[in-house]
Amino acid sequence: QVQLLESGGGLVQAGASLRLSCSASGRTFSGYPVTWYRRAPGKEREFVAVSTKSGQTYYTNSVKGRFTISRDDAQETVYLEMTSLNPEDTAMYYCNMDQYWGPGTLVTVSS
């Protein structure tokens, strides 16, 4: 059974940084693209960043230059390093691999 689990969320002030982690059990990330999404209160889920199976990365415009996605396939973990956080980044953050989703980790940024 494949399971993903996000961690690292929390309550921070604007300008702070956080590192989210997504760990996998039952399957490694190797050979799969891994994507971070987020859902802000009252909004639709949106794409944040993806690490392709070849290691290329892509970001939504609002996080370019502030967020960095990286993967450690050996450790079965994908990271989302978030800097210069602002209240608009407040959301539940989810990682996705293939058809699998984690339960999410909440990021709250206060002004």
PDB file of N, CA and C in Angstrom:
ATOM      1  N   GLN A   1       0.855  -1.191   0.000  1.00  0.00           N
ATOM      2  CA  GLN A   1       0.000   0.000   0.000  1.00  0.00           C
ATOM      3  C   GLN A   1       0.889   1.239   0.000  1.00  0.00           C
ATOM      4  N   VAL A   2       0.633   2.125  -0.942  1.00  0.00           N
ATOM      5  CA  VAL A   2       1.425   3.342  -1.050  1.00  0.00           C
ATOM      6  C   VAL A   2       0.802   4.432  -0.198  1.00  0.00           C
ATOM      7  N   GLN A   3       1.616   5.091   0.585  1.00  0.00           N
ATOM      8  CA  GLN A   3       1.150   6.210   1.400  1.00  0.00           C
ATOM      9  C   GLN A   3       2.140   7.356   1.300  1.00  0.00           C
ATOM     10  N   LEU A   4       1.600   8.545   1.230  1.00  0.00           N
ATOM     11  CA  LEU A   4       2.403   9.759   1.284  1.00  0.00           C
ATOM     12  C   LEU A   4       2.051  10.507   2.556  1.00  0.00           C
ATOM     13  N   LEU A   5       3.048  11.159   3.129  1.00  0.00           N
ATOM     14  CA  LEU A   5       2.808  11.894   4.363  1.00  0.00           C
ATOM     15  C   LEU A   5       3.598  13.183   4.339  1.00  0.00           C
ATOM     16  N   GLU A   6       2.882  14.283   4.433  1.00  0.00           N
ATOM     17  CA  GLU A   6       3.517  15.590   4.479  1.00  0.00           C
ATOM     18  C   GLU A   6       3.791  15.992   5.926  1.00  0.00           C
ATOM     19  N   SER A   7       4.804  16.809   6.113  1.00  0.00           N
ATOM     20  CA  SER A   7       5.113  17.353   7.430  1.00  0.00           C
ATOM     21  C   SER A   7       5.842  18.670   7.253  1.00  0.00           C
ATOM     22  N   GLY A   8       5.958  19.407   8.345  1.00  0.00           N
ATOM     23  CA  GLY A   8       6.725  20.645   8.336  1.00  0.00           C
ATOM     24  C   GLY A   8       5.905  21.915   8.341  1.00  0.00           C
ATOM     25  N   GLY A   9       4.603  21.793   8.252  1.00  0.00           N
ATOM     26  CA  GLY A   9       3.774  22.992   8.290  1.00  0.00           C
ATOM     27  C   GLY A   9       3.758  23.622   9.670  1.00  0.00           C
ATOM     28  N   GLY A  10       3.176  24.804   9.733  1.00  0.00           N
ATOM     29  CA  GLY A  10       3.075  25.481  11.018  1.00  0.00           C
ATOM     30  C   GLY A  10       2.617  26.903  10.859  1.00  0.00           C
ATOM     31  N   LEU A  11       2.623  27.614  11.967  1.00  0.00           N
ATOM     32  CA  LEU A  11       2.236  29.019  12.001  1.00  0.00           C
ATOM     33  C   LEU A  11       3.500  29.866  12.062  1.00  0.00           C
ATOM     34  N   VAL A  12       3.663  30.739  11.083  1.00  0.00           N
ATOM     35  CA  VAL A  12       4.842  31.598  11.037  1.00  0.00           C
ATOM     36  C   VAL A  12       4.415  33.017  10.701  1.00  0.00           C
ATOM     37  N   GLN A  13       5.326  33.947  10.927  1.00  0.00           N
ATOM     38  CA  GLN A  13       5.076  35.340  10.567  1.00  0.00           C
ATOM     39  C   GLN A  13       5.519  35.592   9.122  1.00  0.00           C
ATOM     40  N   ALA A  14       4.951  36.607   8.535  1.00  0.00           N
ATOM     41  CA  ALA A  14       5.345  36.981   7.185  1.00  0.00           C
ATOM     42  C   ALA A  14       6.858  37.208   7.123  1.00  0.00           C
ATOM     43  N   GLY A  15       7.450  36.720   6.057  1.00  0.00           N
ATOM     44  CA  GLY A  15       8.889  36.839   5.874  1.00  0.00           C
ATOM     45  C   GLY A  15       9.671  35.628   6.338  1.00  0.00           C
ATOM     46  N   ALA A  16       9.021  34.757   7.053  1.00  0.00           N
ATOM     47  CA  ALA A  16       9.695  33.565   7.583  1.00  0.00           C
ATOM     48  C   ALA A  16       9.835  32.496   6.504  1.00  0.00           C
ATOM     49  N   SER A  17      10.521  31.436   6.892  1.00  0.00           N
ATOM     50  CA  SER A  17      10.741  30.299   5.997  1.00  0.00           C
ATOM     51  C   SER A  17      10.245  29.019   6.655  1.00  0.00           C
ATOM     52  N   LEU A  18       9.881  28.076   5.824  1.00  0.00           N
ATOM     53  CA  LEU A  18       9.507  26.741   6.279  1.00  0.00           C
ATOM     54  C   LEU A  18       9.997  25.732   5.252  1.00  0.00           C
ATOM     55  N   ARG A  19      10.255  24.538   5.714  1.00  0.00           N
ATOM     56  CA  ARG A  19      10.574  23.446   4.793  1.00  0.00           C
ATOM     57  C   ARG A  19       9.563  22.337   5.003  1.00  0.00           C
ATOM     58  N   LEU A  20       8.819  22.053   3.956  1.00  0.00           N
ATOM     59  CA  LEU A  20       7.878  20.951   3.995  1.00  0.00           C
ATOM     60  C   LEU A  20       8.550  19.694   3.472  1.00  0.00           C
ATOM     61  N   SER A  21       8.140  18.572   4.029  1.00  0.00           N
ATOM     62  CA  SER A  21       8.659  17.286   3.583  1.00  0.00           C
ATOM     63  C   SER A  21       7.498  16.397   3.188  1.00  0.00           C
ATOM     64  N   CYS A  22       7.745  15.557   2.202  1.00  0.00           N
ATOM     65  CA  CYS A  22       6.771  14.548   1.796  1.00  0.00           C
ATOM     66  C   CYS A  22       7.511  13.220   1.747  1.00  0.00           C
ATOM     67  N   SER A  23       7.096  12.311   2.581  1.00  0.00           N
ATOM     68  CA  SER A  23       7.725  11.002   2.615  1.00  0.00           C
ATOM     69  C   SER A  23       6.784   9.962   2.033  1.00  0.00           C
ATOM     70  N   ALA A  24       7.376   8.933   1.457  1.00  0.00           N
ATOM     71  CA  ALA A  24       6.597   7.878   0.824  1.00  0.00           C
ATOM     72  C   ALA A  24       6.890   6.532   1.470  1.00  0.00           C
ATOM     73  N   SER A  25       5.869   5.748   1.561  1.00  0.00           N
ATOM     74  CA  SER A  25       6.040   4.361   1.982  1.00  0.00           C
ATOM     75  C   SER A  25       5.297   3.466   0.990  1.00  0.00           C
ATOM     76  N   GLY A  26       5.852   2.300   0.759  1.00  0.00           N
ATOM     77  CA  GLY A  26       5.226   1.381  -0.178  1.00  0.00           C
ATOM     78  C   GLY A  26       5.692   1.544  -1.617  1.00  0.00           C
ATOM     79  N   ARG A  27       6.357   2.666  -1.894  1.00  0.00           N
ATOM     80  CA  ARG A  27       6.911   2.915  -3.217  1.00  0.00           C
ATOM     81  C   ARG A  27       7.899   4.060  -3.085  1.00  0.00           C
ATOM     82  N   THR A  28       8.946   4.024  -3.874  1.00  0.00           N
ATOM     83  CA  THR A  28       9.872   5.157  -3.857  1.00  0.00           C
ATOM     84  C   THR A  28       9.418   6.185  -4.878  1.00  0.00           C
ATOM     85  N   PHE A  29       9.936   7.388  -4.745  1.00  0.00           N
ATOM     86  CA  PHE A  29       9.633   8.450  -5.688  1.00  0.00           C
ATOM     87  C   PHE A  29      10.379   8.281  -7.007  1.00  0.00           C
ATOM     88  N   SER A  30      11.396   7.462  -6.997  1.00  0.00           N
ATOM     89  CA  SER A  30      12.242   7.301  -8.171  1.00  0.00           C
ATOM     90  C   SER A  30      11.408   6.923  -9.394  1.00  0.00           C
ATOM     91  N   GLY A  31      11.579   7.673 -10.477  1.00  0.00           N
ATOM     92  CA  GLY A  31      10.869   7.385 -11.703  1.00  0.00           C
ATOM     93  C   GLY A  31       9.521   8.041 -11.834  1.00  0.00           C
ATOM     94  N   TYR A  32       9.131   8.817 -10.841  1.00  0.00           N
ATOM     95  CA  TYR A  32       7.828   9.495 -10.867  1.00  0.00           C
ATOM     96  C   TYR A  32       7.995  10.992 -10.673  1.00  0.00           C
ATOM     97  N   PRO A  33       7.190  11.769 -11.354  1.00  0.00           N
ATOM     98  CA  PRO A  33       7.136  13.184 -10.993  1.00  0.00           C
ATOM     99  C   PRO A  33       6.419  13.321  -9.652  1.00  0.00           C
ATOM    100  N   VAL A  34       6.833  14.284  -8.877  1.00  0.00           N
ATOM    101  CA  VAL A  34       6.196  14.562  -7.588  1.00  0.00           C
ATOM    102  C   VAL A  34       5.814  16.033  -7.564  1.00  0.00           C
ATOM    103  N   THR A  35       4.604  16.283  -7.187  1.00  0.00           N
ATOM    104  CA  THR A  35       4.039  17.624  -7.271  1.00  0.00           C
ATOM    105  C   THR A  35       3.534  18.087  -5.918  1.00  0.00           C
ATOM    106  N   TRP A  36       3.759  19.350  -5.622  1.00  0.00           N
ATOM    107  CA  TRP A  36       3.145  20.003  -4.464  1.00  0.00           C
ATOM    108  C   TRP A  36       1.978  20.844  -4.965  1.00  0.00           C
ATOM    109  N   TYR A  37       0.873  20.712  -4.256  1.00  0.00           N
ATOM    110  CA  TYR A  37      -0.300  21.532  -4.482  1.00  0.00           C
ATOM    111  C   TYR A  37      -0.662  22.218  -3.164  1.00  0.00           C
ATOM    112  N   ARG A  38      -1.535  23.192  -3.260  1.00  0.00           N
ATOM    113  CA  ARG A  38      -2.055  23.807  -2.050  1.00  0.00           C
ATOM    114  C   ARG A  38      -3.496  24.220  -2.265  1.00  0.00           C
ATOM    115  N   ARG A  39      -4.207  24.277  -1.151  1.00  0.00           N
ATOM    116  CA  ARG A  39      -5.579  24.766  -1.183  1.00  0.00           C
ATOM    117  C   ARG A  39      -5.733  25.791  -0.086  1.00  0.00           C
ATOM    118  N   ALA A  40      -5.942  27.030  -0.484  1.00  0.00           N
ATOM    119  CA  ALA A  40      -6.153  28.104   0.474  1.00  0.00           C
ATOM    120  C   ALA A  40      -7.614  28.096   0.909  1.00  0.00           C
ATOM    121  N   PRO A  41      -7.894  28.659   2.077  1.00  0.00           N
ATOM    122  CA  PRO A  41      -9.281  28.693   2.555  1.00  0.00           C
ATOM    123  C   PRO A  41     -10.209  29.338   1.530  1.00  0.00           C
ATOM    124  N   GLY A  42     -11.271  28.628   1.172  1.00  0.00           N
ATOM    125  CA  GLY A  42     -12.253  29.161   0.250  1.00  0.00           C
ATOM    126  C   GLY A  42     -11.847  29.176  -1.205  1.00  0.00           C
ATOM    127  N   LYS A  43     -10.708  28.544  -1.519  1.00  0.00           N
ATOM    128  CA  LYS A  43     -10.231  28.560  -2.897  1.00  0.00           C
ATOM    129  C   LYS A  43     -10.051  27.146  -3.421  1.00  0.00           C
ATOM    130  N   GLU A  44      -9.884  27.055  -4.734  1.00  0.00           N
ATOM    131  CA  GLU A  44      -9.627  25.766  -5.355  1.00  0.00           C
ATOM    132  C   GLU A  44      -8.180  25.339  -5.107  1.00  0.00           C
ATOM    133  N   ARG A  45      -7.954  24.055  -5.201  1.00  0.00           N
ATOM    134  CA  ARG A  45      -6.591  23.551  -5.101  1.00  0.00           C
ATOM    135  C   ARG A  45      -5.781  24.072  -6.295  1.00  0.00           C
ATOM    136  N   GLU A  46      -4.542  24.459  -6.034  1.00  0.00           N
ATOM    137  CA  GLU A  46      -3.713  24.971  -7.111  1.00  0.00           C
ATOM    138  C   GLU A  46      -2.345  24.299  -7.109  1.00  0.00           C
ATOM    139  N   PHE A  47      -1.795  24.219  -8.295  1.00  0.00           N
ATOM    140  CA  PHE A  47      -0.445  23.702  -8.469  1.00  0.00           C
ATOM    141  C   PHE A  47       0.563  24.665  -7.861  1.00  0.00           C
ATOM    142  N   VAL A  48       1.577  24.113  -7.196  1.00  0.00           N
ATOM    143  CA  VAL A  48       2.635  24.931  -6.613  1.00  0.00           C
ATOM    144  C   VAL A  48       3.968  24.664  -7.307  1.00  0.00           C
ATOM    145  N   ALA A  49       4.374  23.403  -7.326  1.00  0.00           N
ATOM    146  CA  ALA A  49       5.677  23.070  -7.884  1.00  0.00           C
ATOM    147  C   ALA A  49       5.717  21.589  -8.218  1.00  0.00           C
ATOM    148  N   VAL A  50       6.557  21.252  -9.178  1.00  0.00           N
ATOM    149  CA  VAL A  50       6.734  19.849  -9.551  1.00  0.00           C
ATOM    150  C   VAL A  50       8.200  19.552  -9.775  1.00  0.00           C
ATOM    151  N   SER A  51       8.594  18.368  -9.370  1.00  0.00           N
ATOM    152  CA  SER A  51       9.904  17.820  -9.699  1.00  0.00           C
ATOM    153  C   SER A  51       9.650  16.633 -10.623  1.00  0.00           C
ATOM    154  N   THR A  52      10.104  16.752 -11.859  1.00  0.00           N
ATOM    155  CA  THR A  52       9.844  15.666 -12.800  1.00  0.00           C
ATOM    156  C   THR A  52      10.724  14.470 -12.488  1.00  0.00           C
ATOM    157  N   LYS A  53      10.452  13.372 -13.137  1.00  0.00           N
ATOM    158  CA  LYS A  53      11.223  12.164 -12.852  1.00  0.00           C
ATOM    159  C   LYS A  53      12.677  12.333 -13.279  1.00  0.00           C
ATOM    160  N   SER A  54      12.945  13.289 -14.154  1.00  0.00           N
ATOM    161  CA  SER A  54      14.320  13.555 -14.550  1.00  0.00           C
ATOM    162  C   SER A  54      14.955  14.662 -13.708  1.00  0.00           C
ATOM    163  N   GLY A  55      14.178  15.202 -12.774  1.00  0.00           N
ATOM    164  CA  GLY A  55      14.731  16.202 -11.870  1.00  0.00           C
ATOM    165  C   GLY A  55      14.498  17.646 -12.276  1.00  0.00           C
ATOM    166  N   GLN A  56      13.814  17.858 -13.404  1.00  0.00           N
ATOM    167  CA  GLN A  56      13.486  19.233 -13.756  1.00  0.00           C
ATOM    168  C   GLN A  56      12.414  19.758 -12.803  1.00  0.00           C
ATOM    169  N   THR A  57      12.435  21.057 -12.601  1.00  0.00           N
ATOM    170  CA  THR A  57      11.480  21.661 -11.672  1.00  0.00           C
ATOM    171  C   THR A  57      10.720  22.799 -12.343  1.00  0.00           C
ATOM    172  N   TYR A  58       9.474  22.924 -11.947  1.00  0.00           N
ATOM    173  CA  TYR A  58       8.611  23.991 -12.465  1.00  0.00           C
ATOM    174  C   TYR A  58       7.787  24.522 -11.306  1.00  0.00           C
ATOM    175  N   TYR A  59       7.470  25.815 -11.392  1.00  0.00           N
ATOM    176  CA  TYR A  59       6.777  26.486 -10.297  1.00  0.00           C
ATOM    177  C   TYR A  59       5.642  27.346 -10.823  1.00  0.00           C
ATOM    178  N   THR A  60       4.636  27.516  -9.997  1.00  0.00           N
ATOM    179  CA  THR A  60       3.647  28.517 -10.321  1.00  0.00           C
ATOM    180  C   THR A  60       4.272  29.893 -10.145  1.00  0.00           C
ATOM    181  N   ASN A  61       3.791  30.855 -10.897  1.00  0.00           N
ATOM    182  CA  ASN A  61       4.454  32.163 -10.917  1.00  0.00           C
ATOM    183  C   ASN A  61       4.543  32.813  -9.541  1.00  0.00           C
ATOM    184  N   SER A  62       3.538  32.622  -8.723  1.00  0.00           N
ATOM    185  CA  SER A  62       3.500  33.338  -7.450  1.00  0.00           C
ATOM    186  C   SER A  62       4.567  32.868  -6.464  1.00  0.00           C
ATOM    187  N   VAL A  63       5.182  31.733  -6.718  1.00  0.00           N
ATOM    188  CA  VAL A  63       6.198  31.236  -5.779  1.00  0.00           C
ATOM    189  C   VAL A  63       7.589  31.195  -6.390  1.00  0.00           C
ATOM    190  N   LYS A  64       7.703  31.518  -7.666  1.00  0.00           N
ATOM    191  CA  LYS A  64       9.017  31.494  -8.314  1.00  0.00           C
ATOM    192  C   LYS A  64       9.980  32.417  -7.589  1.00  0.00           C
ATOM    193  N   GLY A  65      11.167  31.903  -7.335  1.00  0.00           N
ATOM    194  CA  GLY A  65      12.175  32.674  -6.642  1.00  0.00           C
ATOM    195  C   GLY A  65      12.080  32.594  -5.128  1.00  0.00           C
ATOM    196  N   ARG A  66      10.962  32.059  -4.626  1.00  0.00           N
ATOM    197  CA  ARG A  66      10.795  31.949  -3.170  1.00  0.00           C
ATOM    198  C   ARG A  66      10.752  30.492  -2.705  1.00  0.00           C
ATOM    199  N   PHE A  67      10.184  29.619  -3.538  1.00  0.00           N
ATOM    200  CA  PHE A  67      10.046  28.215  -3.173  1.00  0.00           C
ATOM    201  C   PHE A  67      11.006  27.374  -4.009  1.00  0.00           C
ATOM    202  N   THR A  68      11.494  26.314  -3.402  1.00  0.00           N
ATOM    203  CA  THR A  68      12.367  25.382  -4.108  1.00  0.00           C
ATOM    204  C   THR A  68      11.924  23.962  -3.803  1.00  0.00           C
ATOM    205  N   ILE A  69      11.671  23.199  -4.850  1.00  0.00           N
ATOM    206  CA  ILE A  69      11.332  21.788  -4.679  1.00  0.00           C
ATOM    207  C   ILE A  69      12.577  20.960  -4.952  1.00  0.00           C
ATOM    208  N   SER A  70      12.779  19.970  -4.116  1.00  0.00           N
ATOM    209  CA  SER A  70      13.914  19.083  -4.307  1.00  0.00           C
ATOM    210  C   SER A  70      13.501  17.680  -3.886  1.00  0.00           C
ATOM    211  N   ARG A  71      14.267  16.720  -4.353  1.00  0.00           N
ATOM    212  CA  ARG A  71      13.907  15.347  -4.038  1.00  0.00           C
ATOM    213  C   ARG A  71      15.148  14.548  -3.677  1.00  0.00           C
ATOM    214  N   ASP A  72      14.950  13.665  -2.759  1.00  0.00           N
ATOM    215  CA  ASP A  72      15.996  12.737  -2.364  1.00  0.00           C
ATOM    216  C   ASP A  72      15.386  11.353  -2.498  1.00  0.00           C
ATOM    217  N   ASP A  73      15.531  10.782  -3.680  1.00  0.00           N
ATOM    218  CA  ASP A  73      14.887   9.496  -3.929  1.00  0.00           C
ATOM    219  C   ASP A  73      15.430   8.410  -3.002  1.00  0.00           C
ATOM    220  N   ALA A  74      16.699   8.525  -2.648  1.00  0.00           N
ATOM    221  CA  ALA A  74      17.273   7.510  -1.760  1.00  0.00           C
ATOM    222  C   ALA A  74      16.603   7.557  -0.383  1.00  0.00           C
ATOM    223  N   GLN A  75      16.247   8.781   0.044  1.00  0.00           N
ATOM    224  CA  GLN A  75      15.596   8.945   1.335  1.00  0.00           C
ATOM    225  C   GLN A  75      14.080   8.893   1.230  1.00  0.00           C
ATOM    226  N   GLU A  76      13.612   8.706  -0.013  1.00  0.00           N
ATOM    227  CA  GLU A  76      12.166   8.645  -0.248  1.00  0.00           C
ATOM    228  C   GLU A  76      11.464   9.879   0.311  1.00  0.00           C
ATOM    229  N   THR A  77      12.056  11.028   0.044  1.00  0.00           N
ATOM    230  CA  THR A  77      11.507  12.279   0.539  1.00  0.00           C
ATOM    231  C   THR A  77      11.604  13.358  -0.524  1.00  0.00           C
ATOM    232  N   VAL A  78      10.567  14.145  -0.614  1.00  0.00           N
ATOM    233  CA  VAL A  78      10.567  15.328  -1.460  1.00  0.00           C
ATOM    234  C   VAL A  78      10.340  16.529  -0.568  1.00  0.00           C
ATOM    235  N   TYR A  79      11.076  17.589  -0.828  1.00  0.00           N
ATOM    236  CA  TYR A  79      11.022  18.780   0.012  1.00  0.00           C
ATOM    237  C   TYR A  79      10.445  19.963  -0.753  1.00  0.00           C
ATOM    238  N   LEU A  80       9.858  20.860  -0.004  1.00  0.00           N
ATOM    239  CA  LEU A  80       9.460  22.159  -0.544  1.00  0.00           C
ATOM    240  C   LEU A  80       9.987  23.205   0.418  1.00  0.00           C
ATOM    241  N   GLU A  81      11.073  23.840   0.005  1.00  0.00           N
ATOM    242  CA  GLU A  81      11.664  24.909   0.803  1.00  0.00           C
ATOM    243  C   GLU A  81      10.946  26.194   0.452  1.00  0.00           C
ATOM    244  N   MET A  82      10.380  26.838   1.461  1.00  0.00           N
ATOM    245  CA  MET A  82       9.583  28.042   1.238  1.00  0.00           C
ATOM    246  C   MET A  82      10.213  29.198   1.997  1.00  0.00           C
ATOM    247  N   THR A  83      10.522  30.259   1.306  1.00  0.00           N
ATOM    248  CA  THR A  83      11.096  31.449   1.933  1.00  0.00           C
ATOM    249  C   THR A  83      10.224  32.657   1.646  1.00  0.00           C
ATOM    250  N   SER A  84      10.502  33.730   2.372  1.00  0.00           N
ATOM    251  CA  SER A  84       9.749  34.979   2.202  1.00  0.00           C
ATOM    252  C   SER A  84       8.245  34.725   2.169  1.00  0.00           C
ATOM    253  N   LEU A  85       7.783  33.948   3.102  1.00  0.00           N
ATOM    254  CA  LEU A  85       6.364  33.604   3.139  1.00  0.00           C
ATOM    255  C   LEU A  85       5.518  34.843   3.388  1.00  0.00           C
ATOM    256  N   ASN A  86       4.347  34.861   2.776  1.00  0.00           N
ATOM    257  CA  ASN A  86       3.402  35.945   2.995  1.00  0.00           C
ATOM    258  C   ASN A  86       2.022  35.341   3.269  1.00  0.00           C
ATOM    259  N   PRO A  87       1.103  36.145   3.767  1.00  0.00           N
ATOM    260  CA  PRO A  87      -0.212  35.587   4.137  1.00  0.00           C
ATOM    261  C   PRO A  87      -0.923  34.877   2.986  1.00  0.00           C
ATOM    262  N   GLU A  88      -0.616  35.270   1.754  1.00  0.00           N
ATOM    263  CA  GLU A  88      -1.252  34.612   0.604  1.00  0.00           C
ATOM    264  C   GLU A  88      -0.772  33.170   0.421  1.00  0.00           C
ATOM    265  N   ASP A  89       0.286  32.793   1.122  1.00  0.00           N
ATOM    266  CA  ASP A  89       0.771  31.411   1.066  1.00  0.00           C
ATOM    267  C   ASP A  89       0.043  30.510   2.065  1.00  0.00           C
ATOM    268  N   THR A  90      -0.814  31.089   2.886  1.00  0.00           N
ATOM    269  CA  THR A  90      -1.568  30.301   3.846  1.00  0.00           C
ATOM    270  C   THR A  90      -2.447  29.296   3.117  1.00  0.00           C
ATOM    271  N   ALA A  91      -2.276  28.020   3.431  1.00  0.00           N
ATOM    272  CA  ALA A  91      -3.016  26.974   2.740  1.00  0.00           C
ATOM    273  C   ALA A  91      -2.666  25.626   3.347  1.00  0.00           C
ATOM    274  N   MET A  92      -3.437  24.636   2.975  1.00  0.00           N
ATOM    275  CA  MET A  92      -3.068  23.253   3.225  1.00  0.00           C
ATOM    276  C   MET A  92      -2.230  22.828   2.029  1.00  0.00           C
ATOM    277  N   TYR A  93      -1.075  22.270   2.303  1.00  0.00           N
ATOM    278  CA  TYR A  93      -0.159  21.855   1.253  1.00  0.00           C
ATOM    279  C   TYR A  93      -0.171  20.328   1.140  1.00  0.00           C
ATOM    280  N   TYR A  94      -0.276  19.864  -0.092  1.00  0.00           N
ATOM    281  CA  TYR A  94      -0.366  18.434  -0.372  1.00  0.00           C
ATOM    282  C   TYR A  94       0.723  18.013  -1.352  1.00  0.00           C
ATOM    283  N   CYS A  95       1.230  16.811  -1.171  1.00  0.00           N
ATOM    284  CA  CYS A  95       2.107  16.258  -2.204  1.00  0.00           C
ATOM    285  C   CYS A  95       1.375  15.140  -2.930  1.00  0.00           C
ATOM    286  N   ASN A  96       1.762  14.961  -4.161  1.00  0.00           N
ATOM    287  CA  ASN A  96       1.100  14.021  -5.051  1.00  0.00           C
ATOM    288  C   ASN A  96       2.122  13.266  -5.871  1.00  0.00           C
ATOM    289  N   MET A  97       1.949  11.981  -5.945  1.00  0.00           N
ATOM    290  CA  MET A  97       2.738  11.118  -6.818  1.00  0.00           C
ATOM    291  C   MET A  97       1.784  10.113  -7.450  1.00  0.00           C
ATOM    292  N   ASP A  98       1.747  10.136  -8.779  1.00  0.00           N
ATOM    293  CA  ASP A  98       0.859   9.221  -9.494  1.00  0.00           C
ATOM    294  C   ASP A  98      -0.564   9.478  -8.996  1.00  0.00           C
ATOM    295  N   GLN A  99      -1.258   8.459  -8.545  1.00  0.00           N
ATOM    296  CA  GLN A  99      -2.631   8.706  -8.067  1.00  0.00           C
ATOM    297  C   GLN A  99      -2.687   8.863  -6.558  1.00  0.00           C
ATOM    298  N   TYR A 100      -1.559   8.977  -5.935  1.00  0.00           N
ATOM    299  CA  TYR A 100      -1.502   9.014  -4.484  1.00  0.00           C
ATOM    300  C   TYR A 100      -1.342  10.437  -3.948  1.00  0.00           C
ATOM    301  N   TRP A 101      -2.037  10.687  -2.857  1.00  0.00           N
ATOM    302  CA  TRP A 101      -2.007  11.988  -2.194  1.00  0.00           C
ATOM    303  C   TRP A 101      -1.762  11.796  -0.704  1.00  0.00           C
ATOM    304  N   GLY A 102      -1.056  12.763  -0.124  1.00  0.00           N
ATOM    305  CA  GLY A 102      -0.947  12.772   1.321  1.00  0.00           C
ATOM    306  C   GLY A 102      -2.129  13.504   1.935  1.00  0.00           C
ATOM    307  N   PRO A 103      -2.229  13.477   3.251  1.00  0.00           N
ATOM    308  CA  PRO A 103      -3.332  14.153   3.945  1.00  0.00           C
ATOM    309  C   PRO A 103      -3.157  15.658   4.031  1.00  0.00           C
ATOM    310  N   GLY A 104      -1.944  16.129   3.767  1.00  0.00           N
ATOM    311  CA  GLY A 104      -1.698  17.564   3.786  1.00  0.00           C
ATOM    312  C   GLY A 104      -1.062  18.039   5.071  1.00  0.00           C
ATOM    313  N   THR A 105      -0.412  19.194   4.979  1.00  0.00           N
ATOM    314  CA  THR A 105       0.148  19.864   6.145  1.00  0.00           C
ATOM    315  C   THR A 105      -0.219  21.330   6.041  1.00  0.00           C
ATOM    316  N   LEU A 106      -0.646  21.915   7.151  1.00  0.00           N
ATOM    317  CA  LEU A 106      -1.181  23.271   7.141  1.00  0.00           C
ATOM    318  C   LEU A 106      -0.080  24.293   7.343  1.00  0.00           C
ATOM    319  N   VAL A 107      -0.049  25.269   6.476  1.00  0.00           N
ATOM    320  CA  VAL A 107       0.851  26.407   6.602  1.00  0.00           C
ATOM    321  C   VAL A 107       0.000  27.655   6.818  1.00  0.00           C
ATOM    322  N   THR A 108       0.279  28.351   7.893  1.00  0.00           N
ATOM    323  CA  THR A 108      -0.433  29.589   8.201  1.00  0.00           C
ATOM    324  C   THR A 108       0.593  30.694   8.368  1.00  0.00           C
ATOM    325  N   VAL A 109       0.438  31.747   7.589  1.00  0.00           N
ATOM    326  CA  VAL A 109       1.366  32.870   7.633  1.00  0.00           C
ATOM    327  C   VAL A 109       0.617  34.094   8.133  1.00  0.00           C
ATOM    328  N   SER A 110       1.059  34.618   9.241  1.00  0.00           N
ATOM    329  CA  SER A 110       0.423  35.794   9.807  1.00  0.00           C
ATOM    330  C   SER A 110       1.126  37.067   9.346  1.00  0.00           C
ATOM    331  N   SER A 111       0.362  38.134   9.248  1.00  0.00           N
ATOM    332  CA  SER A 111       0.937  39.405   8.767  1.00  0.00           C
ATOM    333  C   SER A 111       1.510  40.218   9.909  1.00  0.00           C
TER     334      SER A 111
END
